[in-house]
PDB file of N, CA and C in Angstrom:
ATOM      1  N   MET A   1      33.512-162.717-174.848  1.00  0.00           N
ATOM      2  CA  MET A   1      33.294-161.823-173.727  1.00  0.00           C
ATOM      3  C   MET A   1      33.473-160.375-174.191  1.00  0.00           C
ATOM      4  N   THR A   2      32.742-159.990-175.181  1.00  0.00           N
ATOM      5  CA  THR A   2      32.822-158.614-175.658  1.00  0.00           C
ATOM      6  C   THR A   2      31.977-157.710-174.768  1.00  0.00           C
ATOM      7  N   ASP A   3      32.344-156.453-174.728  1.00  0.00           N
ATOM      8  CA  ASP A   3      31.650-155.470-173.897  1.00  0.00           C
ATOM      9  C   ASP A   3      31.517-155.949-172.459  1.00  0.00           C
ATOM     10  N   SER A   4      32.592-156.432-171.938  1.00  0.00           N
ATOM     11  CA  SER A   4      32.594-156.992-170.594  1.00  0.00           C
ATOM     12  C   SER A   4      33.546-156.194-169.710  1.00  0.00           C
ATOM     13  N   ASN A   5      33.351-156.316-168.430  1.00  0.00           N
ATOM     14  CA  ASN A   5      34.279-155.720-167.477  1.00  0.00           C
ATOM     15  C   ASN A   5      35.437-156.649-167.171  1.00  0.00           C
ATOM     16  N   TYR A   6      35.510-157.777-167.876  1.00  0.00           N
ATOM     17  CA  TYR A   6      36.557-158.763-167.625  1.00  0.00           C
ATOM     18  C   TYR A   6      37.562-158.798-168.760  1.00  0.00           C
ATOM     19  N   ILE A   7      38.828-158.990-168.386  1.00  0.00           N
ATOM     20  CA  ILE A   7      39.929-159.023-169.334  1.00  0.00           C
ATOM     21  C   ILE A   7      40.700-160.319-169.143  1.00  0.00           C
ATOM     22  N   LYS A   8      41.096-160.939-170.271  1.00  0.00           N
ATOM     23  CA  LYS A   8      41.892-162.163-170.206  1.00  0.00           C
ATOM     24  C   LYS A   8      43.315-161.816-169.798  1.00  0.00           C
ATOM     25  N   ILE A   9      43.812-162.507-168.776  1.00  0.00           N
ATOM     26  CA  ILE A   9      45.171-162.247-168.307  1.00  0.00           C
ATOM     27  C   ILE A   9      46.116-163.415-168.523  1.00  0.00           C
ATOM     28  N   PHE A  10      45.556-164.590-168.842  1.00  0.00           N
ATOM     29  CA  PHE A  10      46.419-165.757-168.999  1.00  0.00           C
ATOM     30  C   PHE A  10      45.703-166.838-169.787  1.00  0.00           C
ATOM     31  N   THR A  11      46.467-167.545-170.592  1.00  0.00           N
ATOM     32  CA  THR A  11      46.002-168.766-171.253  1.00  0.00           C
ATOM     33  C   THR A  11      47.086-169.808-171.032  1.00  0.00           C
ATOM     34  N   GLY A  12      46.695-170.962-170.500  1.00  0.00           N
ATOM     35  CA  GLY A  12      47.680-172.003-170.244  1.00  0.00           C
ATOM     36  C   GLY A  12      47.040-173.283-169.771  1.00  0.00           C
ATOM     37  N   ASP A  13      47.884-174.214-169.344  1.00  0.00           N
ATOM     38  CA  ASP A  13      47.356-175.513-168.952  1.00  0.00           C
ATOM     39  C   ASP A  13      46.717-175.475-167.563  1.00  0.00           C
ATOM     40  N   PHE A  14      45.961-176.502-167.296  1.00  0.00           N
ATOM     41  CA  PHE A  14      45.137-176.606-166.090  1.00  0.00           C
ATOM     42  C   PHE A  14      45.934-176.381-164.803  1.00  0.00           C
ATOM     43  N   ILE A  15      47.109-176.970-164.700  1.00  0.00           N
ATOM     44  CA  ILE A  15      47.884-176.903-163.455  1.00  0.00           C
ATOM     45  C   ILE A  15      48.325-175.475-163.155  1.00  0.00           C
ATOM     46  N   ILE A  16      48.826-174.784-164.163  1.00  0.00           N
ATOM     47  CA  ILE A  16      49.266-173.403-163.953  1.00  0.00           C
ATOM     48  C   ILE A  16      48.070-172.509-163.663  1.00  0.00           C
ATOM     49  N   VAL A  17      46.970-172.735-164.364  1.00  0.00           N
ATOM     50  CA  VAL A  17      45.761-171.951-164.123  1.00  0.00           C
ATOM     51  C   VAL A  17      45.290-172.129-162.682  1.00  0.00           C
ATOM     52  N   GLN A  18      45.324-173.347-162.176  1.00  0.00           N
ATOM     53  CA  GLN A  18      44.906-173.575-160.796  1.00  0.00           C
ATOM     54  C   GLN A  18      45.810-172.849-159.806  1.00  0.00           C
ATOM     55  N   ARG A  19      47.084-172.795-160.084  1.00  0.00           N
ATOM     56  CA  ARG A  19      48.019-172.046-159.221  1.00  0.00           C
ATOM     57  C   ARG A  19      47.698-170.557-159.260  1.00  0.00           C
ATOM     58  N   ILE A  20      47.440-170.035-160.438  1.00  0.00           N
ATOM     59  CA  ILE A  20      47.096-168.619-160.570  1.00  0.00           C
ATOM     60  C   ILE A  20      45.810-168.313-159.822  1.00  0.00           C
ATOM     61  N   ILE A  21      44.804-169.154-159.994  1.00  0.00           N
ATOM     62  CA  ILE A  21      43.516-168.957-159.311  1.00  0.00           C
ATOM     63  C   ILE A  21      43.721-168.959-157.800  1.00  0.00           C
ATOM     64  N   SER A  22      44.528-169.876-157.313  1.00  0.00           N
ATOM     65  CA  SER A  22      44.796-169.950-155.869  1.00  0.00           C
ATOM     66  C   SER A  22      45.457-168.672-155.357  1.00  0.00           C
ATOM     67  N   GLU A  23      46.452-168.190-156.097  1.00  0.00           N
ATOM     68  CA  GLU A  23      47.144-166.955-155.696  1.00  0.00           C
ATOM     69  C   GLU A  23      46.202-165.752-155.747  1.00  0.00           C
ATOM     70  N   LEU A  24      45.354-165.710-156.769  1.00  0.00           N
ATOM     71  CA  LEU A  24      44.411-164.602-156.879  1.00  0.00           C
ATOM     72  C   LEU A  24      43.401-164.628-155.729  1.00  0.00           C
ATOM     73  N   LYS A  25      42.920-165.811-155.381  1.00  0.00           N
ATOM     74  CA  LYS A  25      41.974-165.923-154.271  1.00  0.00           C
ATOM     75  C   LYS A  25      42.602-165.465-152.964  1.00  0.00           C
ATOM     76  N   SER A  26      43.909-165.702-152.811  1.00  0.00           N
ATOM     77  CA  SER A  26      44.582-165.320-151.571  1.00  0.00           C
ATOM     78  C   SER A  26      44.619-163.798-151.379  1.00  0.00           C
ATOM     79  N   ILE A  27      44.459-163.047-152.477  1.00  0.00           N
ATOM     80  CA  ILE A  27      44.393-161.585-152.354  1.00  0.00           C
ATOM     81  C   ILE A  27      42.990-161.074-152.712  1.00  0.00           C
ATOM     82  N   ASN A  28      42.009-161.949-152.557  1.00  0.00           N
ATOM     83  CA  ASN A  28      40.584-161.615-152.728  1.00  0.00           C
ATOM     84  C   ASN A  28      40.206-161.159-154.136  1.00  0.00           C
ATOM     85  N   ILE A  29      40.814-161.790-155.136  1.00  0.00           N
ATOM     86  CA  ILE A  29      40.416-161.555-156.520  1.00  0.00           C
ATOM     87  C   ILE A  29      39.718-162.818-157.012  1.00  0.00           C
ATOM     88  N   ASN A  30      38.477-162.659-157.444  1.00  0.00           N
ATOM     89  CA  ASN A  30      37.716-163.783-157.972  1.00  0.00           C
ATOM     90  C   ASN A  30      37.811-163.773-159.494  1.00  0.00           C
ATOM     91  N   ALA A  31      38.548-164.721-160.017  1.00  0.00           N
ATOM     92  CA  ALA A  31      38.751-164.819-161.460  1.00  0.00           C
ATOM     93  C   ALA A  31      37.734-165.761-162.082  1.00  0.00           C
ATOM     94  N   ILE A  32      37.581-165.631-163.385  1.00  0.00           N
ATOM     95  CA  ILE A  32      36.724-166.522-164.156  1.00  0.00           C
ATOM     96  C   ILE A  32      37.634-167.377-165.034  1.00  0.00           C
ATOM     97  N   VAL A  33      37.386-168.687-165.026  1.00  0.00           N
ATOM     98  CA  VAL A  33      38.152-169.607-165.859  1.00  0.00           C
ATOM     99  C   VAL A  33      37.259-170.088-166.987  1.00  0.00           C
ATOM    100  N   LYS A  34      37.766-169.957-168.200  1.00  0.00           N
ATOM    101  CA  LYS A  34      37.028-170.399-169.383  1.00  0.00           C
ATOM    102  C   LYS A  34      37.788-171.561-170.008  1.00  0.00           C
ATOM    103  N   ASP A  35      37.108-172.689-170.155  1.00  0.00           N
ATOM    104  CA  ASP A  35      37.703-173.884-170.749  1.00  0.00           C
ATOM    105  C   ASP A  35      36.848-174.292-171.936  1.00  0.00           C
ATOM    106  N   THR A  36      37.202-173.804-173.122  1.00  0.00           N
ATOM    107  CA  THR A  36      36.376-174.059-174.304  1.00  0.00           C
ATOM    108  C   THR A  36      36.387-175.523-174.696  1.00  0.00           C
ATOM    109  N   THR A  37      37.478-176.225-174.471  1.00  0.00           N
ATOM    110  CA  THR A  37      37.547-177.643-174.809  1.00  0.00           C
ATOM    111  C   THR A  37      36.561-178.433-173.976  1.00  0.00           C
ATOM    112  N   GLU A  38      36.545-178.183-172.684  1.00  0.00           N
ATOM    113  CA  GLU A  38      35.630-178.901-171.801  1.00  0.00           C
ATOM    114  C   GLU A  38      34.185-178.524-172.092  1.00  0.00           C
ATOM    115  N   SER A  39      33.934-177.270-172.371  1.00  0.00           N
ATOM    116  CA  SER A  39      32.575-176.836-172.703  1.00  0.00           C
ATOM    117  C   SER A  39      32.085-177.528-173.976  1.00  0.00           C
ATOM    118  N   ALA A  40      32.953-177.616-174.966  1.00  0.00           N
ATOM    119  CA  ALA A  40      32.580-178.280-176.220  1.00  0.00           C
ATOM    120  C   ALA A  40      32.336-179.765-175.981  1.00  0.00           C
ATOM    121  N   ARG A  41      33.169-180.390-175.177  1.00  0.00           N
ATOM    122  CA  ARG A  41      33.008-181.814-174.887  1.00  0.00           C
ATOM    123  C   ARG A  41      31.681-182.077-174.184  1.00  0.00           C
ATOM    124  N   LEU A  42      31.370-181.253-173.204  1.00  0.00           N
ATOM    125  CA  LEU A  42      30.126-181.431-172.466  1.00  0.00           C
ATOM    126  C   LEU A  42      28.898-181.213-173.346  1.00  0.00           C
ATOM    127  N   ALA A  43      29.038-180.353-174.354  1.00  0.00           N
ATOM    128  CA  ALA A  43      27.927-180.089-175.266  1.00  0.00           C
ATOM    129  C   ALA A  43      27.834-181.122-176.381  1.00  0.00           C
ATOM    130  N   GLY A  44      28.829-182.031-176.462  1.00  0.00           N
ATOM    131  CA  GLY A  44      28.805-183.082-177.465  1.00  0.00           C
ATOM    132  C   GLY A  44      29.473-182.731-178.772  1.00  0.00           C
ATOM    133  N   PHE A  45      30.311-181.690-178.763  1.00  0.00           N
ATOM    134  CA  PHE A  45      30.969-181.259-179.995  1.00  0.00           C
ATOM    135  C   PHE A  45      32.402-181.760-180.133  1.00  0.00           C
ATOM    136  N   GLY A  46      32.901-182.504-179.195  1.00  0.00           N
ATOM    137  CA  GLY A  46      34.281-182.964-179.263  1.00  0.00           C
ATOM    138  C   GLY A  46      35.242-181.949-178.693  1.00  0.00           C
ATOM    139  N   GLY A  47      36.520-182.247-178.811  1.00  0.00           N
ATOM    140  CA  GLY A  47      37.549-181.402-178.215  1.00  0.00           C
ATOM    141  C   GLY A  47      37.846-180.158-179.013  1.00  0.00           C
ATOM    142  N   GLY A  48      38.621-179.277-178.413  1.00  0.00           N
ATOM    143  CA  GLY A  48      39.016-178.033-179.069  1.00  0.00           C
ATOM    144  C   GLY A  48      40.395-178.149-179.673  1.00  0.00           C
ATOM    145  N   ILE A  49      40.931-177.031-180.066  1.00  0.00           N
ATOM    146  CA  ILE A  49      42.237-176.997-180.710  1.00  0.00           C
ATOM    147  C   ILE A  49      43.348-177.315-179.720  1.00  0.00           C
ATOM    148  N   LEU A  50      43.273-176.759-178.530  1.00  0.00           N
ATOM    149  CA  LEU A  50      44.293-176.968-177.509  1.00  0.00           C
ATOM    150  C   LEU A  50      43.679-177.635-176.278  1.00  0.00           C
ATOM    151  N   PRO A  51      43.538-178.944-176.288  1.00  0.00           N
ATOM    152  CA  PRO A  51      42.927-179.614-175.137  1.00  0.00           C
ATOM    153  C   PRO A  51      43.718-179.346-173.857  1.00  0.00           C
ATOM    154  N   GLY A  52      42.995-179.089-172.774  1.00  0.00           N
ATOM    155  CA  GLY A  52      43.639-178.865-171.488  1.00  0.00           C
ATOM    156  C   GLY A  52      44.032-177.422-171.233  1.00  0.00           C
ATOM    157  N   PHE A  53      43.870-176.563-172.229  1.00  0.00           N
ATOM    158  CA  PHE A  53      44.217-175.160-172.035  1.00  0.00           C
ATOM    159  C   PHE A  53      42.988-174.380-171.589  1.00  0.00           C
ATOM    160  N   GLN A  54      43.226-173.457-170.669  1.00  0.00           N
ATOM    161  CA  GLN A  54      42.156-172.648-170.109  1.00  0.00           C
ATOM    162  C   GLN A  54      42.556-171.185-170.160  1.00  0.00           C
ATOM    163  N   GLU A  55      41.553-170.315-170.082  1.00  0.00           N
ATOM    164  CA  GLU A  55      41.783-168.878-170.058  1.00  0.00           C
ATOM    165  C   GLU A  55      41.331-168.330-168.711  1.00  0.00           C
ATOM    166  N   VAL A  56      42.089-167.366-168.193  1.00  0.00           N
ATOM    167  CA  VAL A  56      41.760-166.732-166.915  1.00  0.00           C
ATOM    168  C   VAL A  56      41.396-165.278-167.189  1.00  0.00           C
ATOM    169  N   PHE A  57      40.235-164.876-166.668  1.00  0.00           N
ATOM    170  CA  PHE A  57      39.747-163.509-166.813  1.00  0.00           C
ATOM    171  C   PHE A  57      39.584-162.884-165.433  1.00  0.00           C
ATOM    172  N   VAL A  58      39.890-161.578-165.333  1.00  0.00           N
ATOM    173  CA  VAL A  58      39.660-160.841-164.091  1.00  0.00           C
ATOM    174  C   VAL A  58      38.952-159.530-164.419  1.00  0.00           C
ATOM    175  N   ASN A  59      38.348-158.955-163.416  1.00  0.00           N
ATOM    176  CA  ASN A  59      37.687-157.672-163.561  1.00  0.00           C
ATOM    177  C   ASN A  59      38.725-156.598-163.873  1.00  0.00           C
ATOM    178  N   LYS A  60      38.354-155.638-164.707  1.00  0.00           N
ATOM    179  CA  LYS A  60      39.261-154.555-165.087  1.00  0.00           C
ATOM    180  C   LYS A  60      39.813-153.812-163.876  1.00  0.00           C
ATOM    181  N   ASP A  61      39.008-153.695-162.822  1.00  0.00           N
ATOM    182  CA  ASP A  61      39.437-152.976-161.624  1.00  0.00           C
ATOM    183  C   ASP A  61      40.563-153.694-160.882  1.00  0.00           C
ATOM    184  N   GLU A  62      40.701-154.988-161.107  1.00  0.00           N
ATOM    185  CA  GLU A  62      41.707-155.784-160.405  1.00  0.00           C
ATOM    186  C   GLU A  62      42.865-156.190-161.318  1.00  0.00           C
ATOM    187  N   LEU A  63      42.907-155.618-162.499  1.00  0.00           N
ATOM    188  CA  LEU A  63      43.866-156.025-163.519  1.00  0.00           C
ATOM    189  C   LEU A  63      45.318-155.896-163.072  1.00  0.00           C
ATOM    190  N   ASP A  64      45.710-154.774-162.509  1.00  0.00           N
ATOM    191  CA  ASP A  64      47.113-154.550-162.141  1.00  0.00           C
ATOM    192  C   ASP A  64      47.616-155.590-161.144  1.00  0.00           C
ATOM    193  N   LYS A  65      46.826-155.854-160.111  1.00  0.00           N
ATOM    194  CA  LYS A  65      47.228-156.847-159.113  1.00  0.00           C
ATOM    195  C   LYS A  65      47.296-158.239-159.720  1.00  0.00           C
ATOM    196  N   ALA A  66      46.326-158.565-160.559  1.00  0.00           N
ATOM    197  CA  ALA A  66      46.265-159.900-161.154  1.00  0.00           C
ATOM    198  C   ALA A  66      47.428-160.143-162.116  1.00  0.00           C
ATOM    199  N   VAL A  67      47.758-159.154-162.925  1.00  0.00           N
ATOM    200  CA  VAL A  67      48.868-159.294-163.869  1.00  0.00           C
ATOM    201  C   VAL A  67      50.167-159.494-163.108  1.00  0.00           C
ATOM    202  N   HIS A  68      50.321-158.808-162.002  1.00  0.00           N
ATOM    203  CA  HIS A  68      51.523-158.972-161.180  1.00  0.00           C
ATOM    204  C   HIS A  68      51.653-160.422-160.696  1.00  0.00           C
ATOM    205  N   ILE A  69      50.564-161.026-160.269  1.00  0.00           N
ATOM    206  CA  ILE A  69      50.569-162.431-159.826  1.00  0.00           C
ATOM    207  C   ILE A  69      50.982-163.340-160.981  1.00  0.00           C
ATOM    208  N   VAL A  70      50.400-163.134-162.157  1.00  0.00           N
ATOM    209  CA  VAL A  70      50.715-163.965-163.322  1.00  0.00           C
ATOM    210  C   VAL A  70      52.189-163.820-163.701  1.00  0.00           C
ATOM    211  N   GLU A  71      52.701-162.609-163.680  1.00  0.00           N
ATOM    212  CA  GLU A  71      54.111-162.385-164.012  1.00  0.00           C
ATOM    213  C   GLU A  71      55.032-163.090-163.021  1.00  0.00           C
ATOM    214  N   ASN A  72      54.691-163.032-161.730  1.00  0.00           N
ATOM    215  CA  ASN A  72      55.517-163.707-160.722  1.00  0.00           C
ATOM    216  C   ASN A  72      55.536-165.214-160.944  1.00  0.00           C
ATOM    217  N   ILE A  73      54.383-165.783-161.188  1.00  0.00           N
ATOM    218  CA  ILE A  73      54.297-167.240-161.401  1.00  0.00           C
ATOM    219  C   ILE A  73      55.038-167.628-162.679  1.00  0.00           C
ATOM    220  N   SER A  74      54.876-166.854-163.734  1.00  0.00           N
ATOM    221  CA  SER A  74      55.558-167.147-165.003  1.00  0.00           C
ATOM    222  C   SER A  74      57.066-167.077-164.845  1.00  0.00           C
ATOM    223  N   SER A  75      57.556-166.082-164.110  1.00  0.00           N
ATOM    224  CA  SER A  75      59.004-165.974-163.919  1.00  0.00           C
ATOM    225  C   SER A  75      59.546-167.115-163.061  1.00  0.00           C
ATOM    226  N   GLU A  76      58.766-167.580-162.070  1.00  0.00           N
ATOM    227  CA  GLU A  76      59.176-168.733-161.278  1.00  0.00           C
ATOM    228  C   GLU A  76      59.291-169.981-162.144  1.00  0.00           C
ATOM    229  N   LEU A  77      58.363-170.158-163.055  1.00  0.00           N
ATOM    230  CA  LEU A  77      58.359-171.346-163.903  1.00  0.00           C
ATOM    231  C   LEU A  77      59.501-171.340-164.914  1.00  0.00           C
ATOM    232  N   LYS A  78      59.950-170.158-165.320  1.00  0.00           N
ATOM    233  CA  LYS A  78      61.056-170.055-166.272  1.00  0.00           C
ATOM    234  C   LYS A  78      62.402-170.342-165.627  1.00  0.00           C
ATOM    235  N   SER A  79      62.505-170.113-164.318  1.00  0.00           N
ATOM    236  CA  SER A  79      63.811-170.309-163.676  1.00  0.00           C
ATOM    237  C   SER A  79      64.032-171.725-163.226  1.00  0.00           C
TER     238      SER A  79
END
């Protein structure tokens, strides 16, 4: 995703990514989820290095709000 208006804000497993996506949608941020393992599997190339891990991207204009959501969720999971 070079020369894009989107920035990666998180890489993690499916369950945490789904929670982040849900929280972002609740504040009207539409994120993009990239799952290279699933894309490779569907194309017939087999799995990736980290099966089940996904990346979350948001628009640069929404970066501050999105990072705040990710930080809150990460701190909840650590406690």
